[in-house]
Amino acid sequence: VQLQASGGGLVQAGDSLRLSCAASGRTFSGVGWFRQAPGKERELVAVMNWRGGSKKYTDSVKGRFTISRDNVDNTVYLQMNSLKPEDTAVYYCAVSYSWFSGIKERDFGSWGQGTQVTVSS
């Protein structure tokens, strides 16, 4: 699967951004957004089952971020509201070829290039 992420940028705290990731190639089961801040390990932000729509978010973004998909365009989105400086990171989209409730980062087999999100205070 080829993944093309876009939508990052420089915003102020409290602003919103929407990231997009277009997927092409073989079929997949799950999609997700991950992020890596400077000096930190990459972490799961939000993942969802492509067919059934079940979703999981990391605690720090619950209520602020929403993952969604467009089945027609094979695009996954991450709507980020009420952004905070601690959301500053490189954001990556990825897909998995299986789906289960305890899915983790290591289960995602194809990754897109990152898109930088910078939130100023």
C-alpha atoms as a PDB file:
ATOM      1  CA  VAL A   1       0.000   0.000   0.000  1.00  0.00           C
ATOM      2  CA  GLN A   2       1.224   3.464  -0.853  1.00  0.00           C
ATOM      3  CA  LEU A   3       0.313   6.201   1.567  1.00  0.00           C
ATOM      4  CA  GLN A   4       0.474   9.928   1.005  1.00  0.00           C
ATOM      5  CA  ALA A   5      -0.075  12.161   4.021  1.00  0.00           C
ATOM      6  CA  SER A   6      -0.726  15.884   3.926  1.00  0.00           C
ATOM      7  CA  GLY A   7      -2.212  18.724   5.924  1.00  0.00           C
ATOM      8  CA  GLY A   8       0.429  19.517   8.488  1.00  0.00           C
ATOM      9  CA  GLY A   9       1.510  23.029   9.303  1.00  0.00           C
ATOM     10  CA  LEU A  10       2.250  25.670  11.896  1.00  0.00           C
ATOM     11  CA  VAL A  11      -0.709  26.781  14.000  1.00  0.00           C
ATOM     12  CA  GLN A  12      -1.364  28.451  17.321  1.00  0.00           C
ATOM     13  CA  ALA A  13      -2.644  26.749  20.426  1.00  0.00           C
ATOM     14  CA  GLY A  14      -6.393  26.294  20.218  1.00  0.00           C
ATOM     15  CA  ASP A  15      -6.442  26.105  16.432  1.00  0.00           C
ATOM     16  CA  SER A  16      -7.534  23.162  14.305  1.00  0.00           C
ATOM     17  CA  LEU A  17      -5.913  21.155  11.536  1.00  0.00           C
ATOM     18  CA  ARG A  18      -7.064  18.262   9.414  1.00  0.00           C
ATOM     19  CA  LEU A  19      -4.574  15.701   8.222  1.00  0.00           C
ATOM     20  CA  SER A  20      -5.320  13.548   5.203  1.00  0.00           C
ATOM     21  CA  CYS A  21      -3.803  10.296   4.039  1.00  0.00           C
ATOM     22  CA  ALA A  22      -4.617   8.789   0.661  1.00  0.00           C
ATOM     23  CA  ALA A  23      -4.093   5.038   0.376  1.00  0.00           C
ATOM     24  CA  SER A  24      -3.635   3.027  -2.794  1.00  0.00           C
ATOM     25  CA  GLY A  25      -2.666  -0.528  -3.583  1.00  0.00           C
ATOM     26  CA  ARG A  26      -3.750  -3.706  -1.870  1.00  0.00           C
ATOM     27  CA  THR A  27      -6.634  -3.919   0.556  1.00  0.00           C
ATOM     28  CA  PHE A  28      -6.091  -3.345   4.255  1.00  0.00           C
ATOM     29  CA  SER A  29      -7.998  -3.790   7.478  1.00  0.00           C
ATOM     30  CA  GLY A  30      -6.974  -0.975   9.770  1.00  0.00           C
ATOM     31  CA  VAL A  31      -5.740   2.566   9.426  1.00  0.00           C
ATOM     32  CA  GLY A  32      -4.071   4.756  11.951  1.00  0.00           C
ATOM     33  CA  TRP A  33      -2.286   7.936  12.803  1.00  0.00           C
ATOM     34  CA  PHE A  34       0.864   7.972  14.867  1.00  0.00           C
ATOM     35  CA  ARG A  35       3.178  10.775  15.944  1.00  0.00           C
ATOM     36  CA  GLN A  36       6.736  11.281  17.032  1.00  0.00           C
ATOM     37  CA  ALA A  37       7.823  14.336  18.956  1.00  0.00           C
ATOM     38  CA  PRO A  38      11.484  15.368  19.156  1.00  0.00           C
ATOM     39  CA  GLY A  39      13.371  13.141  21.552  1.00  0.00           C
ATOM     40  CA  LYS A  40      10.404  10.843  22.102  1.00  0.00           C
ATOM     41  CA  GLU A  41       9.284   7.491  20.805  1.00  0.00           C
ATOM     42  CA  ARG A  42       6.593   7.249  18.193  1.00  0.00           C
ATOM     43  CA  GLU A  43       3.149   6.789  19.731  1.00  0.00           C
ATOM     44  CA  LEU A  44      -0.275   5.733  18.566  1.00  0.00           C
ATOM     45  CA  VAL A  45      -2.670   8.651  18.214  1.00  0.00           C
ATOM     46  CA  ALA A  46      -5.804   7.126  16.687  1.00  0.00           C
ATOM     47  CA  VAL A  47      -6.639   3.931  14.838  1.00  0.00           C
ATOM     48  CA  MET A  48      -9.759   2.544  13.273  1.00  0.00           C
ATOM     49  CA  ASN A  49     -11.117  -0.559  11.618  1.00  0.00           C
ATOM     50  CA  TRP A  50     -11.567   0.291   7.964  1.00  0.00           C
ATOM     51  CA  ARG A  51     -14.656  -1.850   7.461  1.00  0.00           C
ATOM     52  CA  GLY A  52     -16.464  -1.706  10.783  1.00  0.00           C
ATOM     53  CA  GLY A  53     -15.391   1.711  11.931  1.00  0.00           C
ATOM     54  CA  SER A  54     -14.375   0.864  15.493  1.00  0.00           C
ATOM     55  CA  LYS A  55     -11.911   3.424  16.803  1.00  0.00           C
ATOM     56  CA  LYS A  56      -9.303   3.821  19.492  1.00  0.00           C
ATOM     57  CA  TYR A  57      -7.574   6.985  20.688  1.00  0.00           C
ATOM     58  CA  THR A  58      -4.704   7.690  22.989  1.00  0.00           C
ATOM     59  CA  ASP A  59      -5.954   9.366  26.154  1.00  0.00           C
ATOM     60  CA  SER A  60      -4.278  12.715  25.517  1.00  0.00           C
ATOM     61  CA  VAL A  61      -6.301  13.367  22.348  1.00  0.00           C
ATOM     62  CA  LYS A  62      -9.695  11.992  23.329  1.00  0.00           C
ATOM     63  CA  GLY A  63     -12.393  14.585  22.792  1.00  0.00           C
ATOM     64  CA  ARG A  64     -10.116  16.716  20.613  1.00  0.00           C
ATOM     65  CA  PHE A  65      -9.086  14.491  17.699  1.00  0.00           C
ATOM     66  CA  THR A  66     -11.315  12.469  15.403  1.00  0.00           C
ATOM     67  CA  ILE A  67     -10.233   9.805  12.952  1.00  0.00           C
ATOM     68  CA  SER A  68     -12.493   9.158   9.982  1.00  0.00           C
ATOM     69  CA  ARG A  69     -12.393   7.612   6.545  1.00  0.00           C
ATOM     70  CA  ASP A  70     -13.763   8.039   3.058  1.00  0.00           C
ATOM     71  CA  ASN A  71     -14.393   4.623   1.541  1.00  0.00           C
ATOM     72  CA  VAL A  72     -14.782   6.034  -1.950  1.00  0.00           C
ATOM     73  CA  ASP A  73     -11.457   7.844  -2.063  1.00  0.00           C
ATOM     74  CA  ASN A  74      -9.625   5.440   0.267  1.00  0.00           C
ATOM     75  CA  THR A  75      -8.616   8.389   2.390  1.00  0.00           C
ATOM     76  CA  VAL A  76      -8.246   8.574   6.146  1.00  0.00           C
ATOM     77  CA  TYR A  77      -8.472  11.845   8.024  1.00  0.00           C
ATOM     78  CA  LEU A  78      -7.410  13.113  11.405  1.00  0.00           C
ATOM     79  CA  GLN A  79      -9.362  16.152  12.527  1.00  0.00           C
ATOM     80  CA  MET A  80      -7.413  17.850  15.276  1.00  0.00           C
ATOM     81  CA  ASN A  81      -9.169  20.502  17.337  1.00  0.00           C
ATOM     82  CA  SER A  82      -8.053  22.523  20.349  1.00  0.00           C
ATOM     83  CA  LEU A  83      -4.439  21.876  19.493  1.00  0.00           C
ATOM     84  CA  LYS A  84      -1.857  22.182  22.230  1.00  0.00           C
ATOM     85  CA  PRO A  85       1.906  22.759  22.045  1.00  0.00           C
ATOM     86  CA  GLU A  86       2.394  19.189  23.264  1.00  0.00           C
ATOM     87  CA  ASP A  87       0.713  17.975  20.066  1.00  0.00           C
ATOM     88  CA  THR A  88       3.760  19.183  18.131  1.00  0.00           C
ATOM     89  CA  ALA A  89       5.223  16.202  16.308  1.00  0.00           C
ATOM     90  CA  VAL A  90       5.688  14.518  12.975  1.00  0.00           C
ATOM     91  CA  TYR A  91       2.462  12.687  12.208  1.00  0.00           C
ATOM     92  CA  TYR A  92       2.449   9.435  10.242  1.00  0.00           C
ATOM     93  CA  CYS A  93      -0.380   7.450   8.721  1.00  0.00           C
ATOM     94  CA  ALA A  94      -0.200   3.681   8.466  1.00  0.00           C
ATOM     95  CA  VAL A  95      -2.294   0.661   7.557  1.00  0.00           C
ATOM     96  CA  SER A  96      -2.557  -2.815   8.972  1.00  0.00           C
ATOM     97  CA  TYR A  97      -3.505  -5.988   7.117  1.00  0.00           C
ATOM     98  CA  SER A  98      -5.409  -7.445  10.034  1.00  0.00           C
ATOM     99  CA  TRP A  99      -7.554  -5.930  12.759  1.00  0.00           C
ATOM    100  CA  PHE A 100      -8.166  -6.876  16.377  1.00  0.00           C
ATOM    101  CA  SER A 101      -9.126  -4.979  19.485  1.00  0.00           C
ATOM    102  CA  GLY A 102      -5.653  -4.836  20.975  1.00  0.00           C
ATOM    103  CA  ILE A 103      -3.917  -3.674  17.816  1.00  0.00           C
ATOM    104  CA  LYS A 104      -0.639  -1.832  18.372  1.00  0.00           C
ATOM    105  CA  GLU A 105       1.890   0.129  16.378  1.00  0.00           C
ATOM    106  CA  ARG A 106       3.923  -2.974  15.559  1.00  0.00           C
ATOM    107  CA  ASP A 107       0.891  -4.461  13.777  1.00  0.00           C
ATOM    108  CA  PHE A 108       0.889  -1.727  11.132  1.00  0.00           C
ATOM    109  CA  GLY A 109       2.871  -2.867   8.128  1.00  0.00           C
ATOM    110  CA  SER A 110       2.845   0.034   5.693  1.00  0.00           C
ATOM    111  CA  TRP A 111       3.694   3.605   6.536  1.00  0.00           C
ATOM    112  CA  GLY A 112       3.462   6.932   4.797  1.00  0.00           C
ATOM    113  CA  GLN A 113       5.931   9.754   5.019  1.00  0.00           C
ATOM    114  CA  GLY A 114       5.418  12.059   7.948  1.00  0.00           C
ATOM    115  CA  THR A 115       3.820  15.463   7.998  1.00  0.00           C
ATOM    116  CA  GLN A 116       4.978  18.055  10.508  1.00  0.00           C
ATOM    117  CA  VAL A 117       2.513  19.620  12.906  1.00  0.00           C
ATOM    118  CA  THR A 118       3.813  22.492  15.006  1.00  0.00           C
ATOM    119  CA  VAL A 119       1.644  24.182  17.610  1.00  0.00           C
ATOM    120  CA  SER A 120       2.910  27.429  19.064  1.00  0.00           C
ATOM    121  CA  SER A 121       1.846  28.683  22.471  1.00  0.00           C
END
